[in-house]
Amino acid sequence: MPTDDVIRIAIIEDNRYVREAWSASLALTPDFVLVAAYRDCETAFKAPEFSDADIVLMDIGLPGMSGIDGVAYVTTQHPEMSVIMCTVYEEDEKIFNALCAGAIGYLLKEIEPDELVRAIRVAADGGSPMTPRIARKVIAHFQRPVRKDSENELTEREREVLVLLGQGKSYAAIAEQLYLSVDGVGGRIRKIYEKLQAHSRGEAVAKGLAKRLINPPKS
């Protein structure tokens, strides 16, 4: 997080008008420094100045690498950065996938400029800014009664694997931590996908969160 009197921000957004509007809003805030604005993750991650950012505003629907994959990359390669998703998507799956990938906030693009500035300050102070409708969706997921389905219930070992998947661990790292073979991990992950009707790591983790099989990521 910021170590001096300024907050350094990078933007990854493919819509030029949105990108310019965000840039203009941030430029009016004296203690904000716009590191750079990019149209895609690939360009951002190759730029030397990107690593100077404290906060990243990122869309989900980007050309090339998606914003969710971009969050996962930043979390791994730049763990000191905080990523706030700023998007049009309100679907539960995208919200949970983004949060599980490492995003610390989730805003809708309808946000007003002054609210965007406040959200960035919240993130810089260690908080998790969310558009109220998104926060309510997250809360509703954990308040919803969960039906028990013994046939599709995860075993304790499968839950352990799912937790480590949510932490971004590789198959090899999971195998080492749980004293399993890599093939054994792969077999359990296939079972997890089958039971949760998931087709990717992010989807499996999101559904595990929604069903309260694992705990949400810590801010």
Protein backbone atom coordinates (compact mmCIF):
# COMPACT_ATOMS: atom_id res chain seq x y z
CA MET A 1 0.00 0.00 0.00
CA PRO A 2 1.06 3.66 -0.36
CA THR A 3 4.24 4.46 1.55
CA ASP A 4 4.18 8.27 1.17
CA ASP A 5 1.63 11.03 0.74
CA VAL A 6 0.36 9.94 -2.68
CA ILE A 7 -1.67 7.01 -3.98
CA ARG A 8 -0.41 5.68 -7.30
CA ILE A 9 -3.10 4.28 -9.58
CA ALA A 10 -3.08 2.28 -12.81
CA ILE A 11 -6.14 1.78 -15.01
CA ILE A 12 -6.84 -1.23 -17.23
CA GLU A 13 -9.96 -0.52 -19.31
CA ASP A 14 -10.52 -1.11 -23.02
CA ASN A 15 -13.21 1.56 -23.50
CA ARG A 16 -11.33 4.75 -24.38
CA TYR A 17 -14.09 7.07 -23.16
CA VAL A 18 -14.33 5.35 -19.78
CA ARG A 19 -10.55 5.27 -19.51
CA GLU A 20 -10.29 8.99 -20.22
CA ALA A 21 -13.15 9.82 -17.83
CA TRP A 22 -11.51 7.89 -14.98
CA SER A 23 -8.15 9.49 -15.77
CA ALA A 24 -9.68 12.98 -15.70
CA SER A 25 -11.40 12.32 -12.36
CA LEU A 26 -8.22 11.06 -10.76
CA ALA A 27 -6.17 13.97 -12.11
CA LEU A 28 -8.34 16.39 -10.12
CA THR A 29 -7.36 14.73 -6.82
CA PRO A 30 -4.10 16.26 -5.51
CA ASP A 31 -2.76 13.18 -3.71
CA PHE A 32 -3.55 10.77 -6.57
CA VAL A 33 -0.91 9.97 -9.19
CA LEU A 34 -2.02 8.21 -12.38
CA VAL A 35 0.81 5.83 -13.25
CA ALA A 36 -0.69 4.95 -16.65
CA ALA A 37 -3.90 3.80 -18.33
CA TYR A 38 -3.94 0.70 -20.53
CA ARG A 39 -6.50 -0.93 -22.80
CA ASP A 40 -5.55 -4.53 -21.92
CA CYS A 41 -3.71 -6.60 -19.34
CA GLU A 42 -1.00 -7.75 -21.72
CA THR A 43 0.16 -4.17 -22.39
CA ALA A 44 -0.05 -3.23 -18.71
CA PHE A 45 1.93 -6.19 -17.44
CA LYS A 46 4.77 -5.56 -19.89
CA ALA A 47 5.06 -1.87 -18.96
CA PRO A 48 7.87 -1.13 -16.44
CA GLU A 49 5.88 1.68 -14.80
CA PHE A 50 2.96 -0.63 -13.98
CA SER A 51 4.86 -2.04 -10.99
CA ASP A 52 4.79 1.44 -9.40
CA ALA A 53 1.01 1.30 -8.86
CA ASP A 54 -0.55 0.90 -5.42
CA ILE A 55 -4.12 0.53 -6.70
CA VAL A 56 -5.31 -0.92 -10.01
CA LEU A 57 -8.75 -0.17 -11.46
CA MET A 58 -9.57 -3.09 -13.76
CA ASP A 59 -12.47 -4.04 -16.02
CA ILE A 60 -13.53 -7.68 -16.42
CA GLY A 61 -14.46 -7.77 -20.10
CA LEU A 62 -11.08 -6.98 -21.65
CA PRO A 63 -9.61 -8.01 -25.01
CA GLY A 64 -7.19 -10.90 -24.65
CA MET A 65 -6.65 -11.81 -20.99
CA SER A 66 -9.83 -11.30 -18.98
CA GLY A 67 -9.92 -9.04 -15.97
CA ILE A 68 -10.41 -12.04 -13.68
CA ASP A 69 -7.28 -13.70 -15.02
CA GLY A 70 -5.58 -10.31 -14.75
CA VAL A 71 -6.45 -10.08 -11.06
CA ALA A 72 -4.98 -13.52 -10.47
CA TYR A 73 -1.77 -12.45 -12.23
CA VAL A 74 -1.45 -9.25 -10.20
CA THR A 75 -2.12 -11.12 -6.94
CA THR A 76 0.70 -13.53 -7.75
CA GLN A 77 3.23 -11.18 -9.34
CA HIS A 78 2.51 -7.96 -7.40
CA PRO A 79 1.05 -8.98 -4.03
CA GLU A 80 1.57 -5.48 -2.66
CA MET A 81 -0.97 -4.06 -5.14
CA SER A 82 -4.72 -3.85 -4.55
CA VAL A 83 -7.07 -4.46 -7.48
CA ILE A 84 -10.55 -2.95 -7.62
CA MET A 85 -12.83 -4.35 -10.30
CA CYS A 86 -14.84 -1.61 -12.01
CA THR A 87 -17.23 -3.23 -14.47
CA VAL A 88 -20.78 -3.52 -15.80
CA TYR A 89 -21.15 -7.15 -14.71
CA GLU A 90 -23.46 -7.89 -11.78
CA GLU A 91 -23.66 -11.69 -12.15
CA ASP A 92 -22.96 -13.60 -8.93
CA GLU A 93 -20.44 -15.87 -10.63
CA LYS A 94 -18.31 -13.01 -11.96
CA ILE A 95 -18.39 -11.25 -8.59
CA PHE A 96 -17.20 -14.33 -6.70
CA ASN A 97 -14.66 -15.29 -9.38
CA ALA A 98 -13.13 -11.82 -9.19
CA LEU A 99 -13.01 -11.81 -5.39
CA CYS A 100 -11.59 -15.32 -5.27
CA ALA A 101 -8.93 -14.34 -7.81
CA GLY A 102 -7.77 -11.62 -5.43
CA ALA A 103 -9.79 -8.44 -6.10
CA ILE A 104 -10.31 -6.40 -2.90
CA GLY A 105 -13.20 -4.35 -4.25
CA TYR A 106 -15.98 -4.53 -6.82
CA LEU A 107 -17.59 -1.41 -8.28
CA LEU A 108 -20.08 -0.88 -11.09
CA LYS A 109 -19.18 1.57 -13.84
CA GLU A 110 -22.20 3.69 -13.02
CA ILE A 111 -20.22 4.99 -10.03
CA GLU A 112 -19.95 8.77 -9.72
CA PRO A 113 -16.47 10.38 -9.84
CA ASP A 114 -16.52 11.42 -6.17
CA GLU A 115 -17.58 7.90 -5.16
CA LEU A 116 -14.71 6.44 -7.21
CA VAL A 117 -12.27 8.69 -5.37
CA ARG A 118 -13.70 7.59 -2.00
CA ALA A 119 -13.51 3.92 -3.03
CA ILE A 120 -9.83 4.27 -3.91
CA ARG A 121 -9.16 5.89 -0.55
CA VAL A 122 -10.98 3.03 1.21
CA ALA A 123 -8.80 0.51 -0.66
CA ALA A 124 -5.64 2.46 0.16
CA ASP A 125 -6.63 2.37 3.85
CA GLY A 126 -6.95 -1.42 3.74
CA GLY A 127 -10.72 -1.65 3.14
CA SER A 128 -12.81 -3.38 0.49
CA PRO A 129 -14.97 -0.91 -1.44
CA MET A 130 -18.10 -2.30 -3.09
CA THR A 131 -21.09 -0.83 -4.84
CA PRO A 132 -23.98 -1.32 -2.35
CA ARG A 133 -25.89 -3.66 -4.71
CA ILE A 134 -22.81 -5.85 -5.05
CA ALA A 135 -22.22 -5.92 -1.27
CA ARG A 136 -25.83 -6.99 -0.79
CA LYS A 137 -25.41 -9.83 -3.31
CA VAL A 138 -22.33 -11.06 -1.44
CA ILE A 139 -24.17 -10.97 1.90
CA ALA A 140 -27.23 -12.68 0.41
CA HIS A 141 -25.08 -15.57 -0.79
CA PHE A 142 -23.94 -16.33 2.73
CA GLN A 143 -27.40 -15.89 4.24
CA ARG A 144 -29.06 -18.24 1.78
CA PRO A 145 -29.97 -21.67 3.22
CA VAL A 146 -27.83 -24.43 1.77
CA ARG A 147 -29.51 -27.69 0.72
CA LYS A 148 -27.64 -30.81 1.68
CA ASP A 149 -27.10 -33.23 -1.18
CA SER A 150 -25.22 -36.23 0.17
CA GLU A 151 -24.48 -37.57 -3.32
CA ASN A 152 -22.71 -34.35 -4.35
CA GLU A 153 -21.23 -33.45 -0.96
CA LEU A 154 -17.48 -32.93 -1.00
CA THR A 155 -15.27 -35.17 1.10
CA GLU A 156 -13.02 -33.56 3.69
CA ARG A 157 -10.01 -34.12 1.39
CA GLU A 158 -11.82 -32.51 -1.52
CA ARG A 159 -12.63 -29.49 0.65
CA GLU A 160 -8.94 -29.17 1.55
CA VAL A 161 -8.04 -29.25 -2.14
CA LEU A 162 -10.72 -26.64 -2.93
CA VAL A 163 -9.39 -24.30 -0.21
CA LEU A 164 -5.91 -24.50 -1.72
CA LEU A 165 -7.31 -23.96 -5.21
CA GLY A 166 -8.90 -20.79 -3.87
CA GLN A 167 -5.48 -19.68 -2.64
CA GLY A 168 -4.13 -19.99 -6.18
CA LYS A 169 -1.90 -23.00 -5.43
CA SER A 170 -0.64 -25.14 -8.32
CA TYR A 171 -1.37 -28.88 -8.54
CA ALA A 172 2.22 -29.59 -7.48
CA ALA A 173 2.01 -27.27 -4.47
CA ILE A 174 -1.29 -28.84 -3.38
CA ALA A 175 0.19 -32.31 -3.76
CA GLU A 176 3.18 -31.39 -1.61
CA GLN A 177 1.08 -29.75 1.11
CA LEU A 178 -1.46 -32.59 1.35
CA TYR A 179 1.04 -35.44 0.82
CA LEU A 180 -0.69 -36.58 -2.36
CA SER A 181 0.57 -37.37 -5.85
CA VAL A 182 -0.04 -34.80 -8.57
CA ASP A 183 -2.29 -37.37 -10.28
CA GLY A 184 -4.18 -37.79 -7.01
CA VAL A 185 -4.74 -34.04 -6.82
CA GLY A 186 -5.92 -33.98 -10.43
CA GLY A 187 -8.40 -36.79 -9.73
CA ARG A 188 -9.84 -34.97 -6.72
CA ILE A 189 -10.14 -31.73 -8.68
CA ARG A 190 -12.05 -33.55 -11.43
CA LYS A 191 -14.40 -34.88 -8.75
CA ILE A 192 -14.83 -31.38 -7.31
CA TYR A 193 -15.68 -30.00 -10.77
CA GLU A 194 -18.16 -32.84 -11.32
CA LYS A 195 -19.90 -32.42 -7.95
CA LEU A 196 -20.07 -28.61 -8.18
CA GLN A 197 -20.85 -28.67 -11.92
CA ALA A 198 -17.91 -26.34 -12.48
CA HIS A 199 -15.68 -25.98 -15.53
CA SER A 200 -12.77 -23.96 -14.17
CA ARG A 201 -10.82 -23.25 -11.00
CA GLY A 202 -12.53 -19.87 -10.53
CA GLU A 203 -16.00 -21.32 -11.03
CA ALA A 204 -15.34 -24.17 -8.59
CA VAL A 205 -14.08 -21.76 -5.92
CA ALA A 206 -17.00 -19.39 -6.51
CA LYS A 207 -19.51 -22.22 -6.11
CA GLY A 208 -17.67 -23.51 -3.06
CA LEU A 209 -18.04 -20.06 -1.51
CA ALA A 210 -21.70 -19.79 -2.49
CA LYS A 211 -22.43 -23.19 -0.92
CA ARG A 212 -20.36 -22.24 2.14
CA LEU A 213 -18.03 -25.18 1.62
CA ILE A 214 -15.06 -22.86 2.12
CA ASN A 215 -14.58 -19.49 3.77
CA PRO A 216 -14.38 -16.23 1.77
CA PRO A 217 -10.93 -14.75 1.14
CA LYS A 218 -9.62 -12.40 3.84
CA SER A 219 -9.34 -8.70 2.97
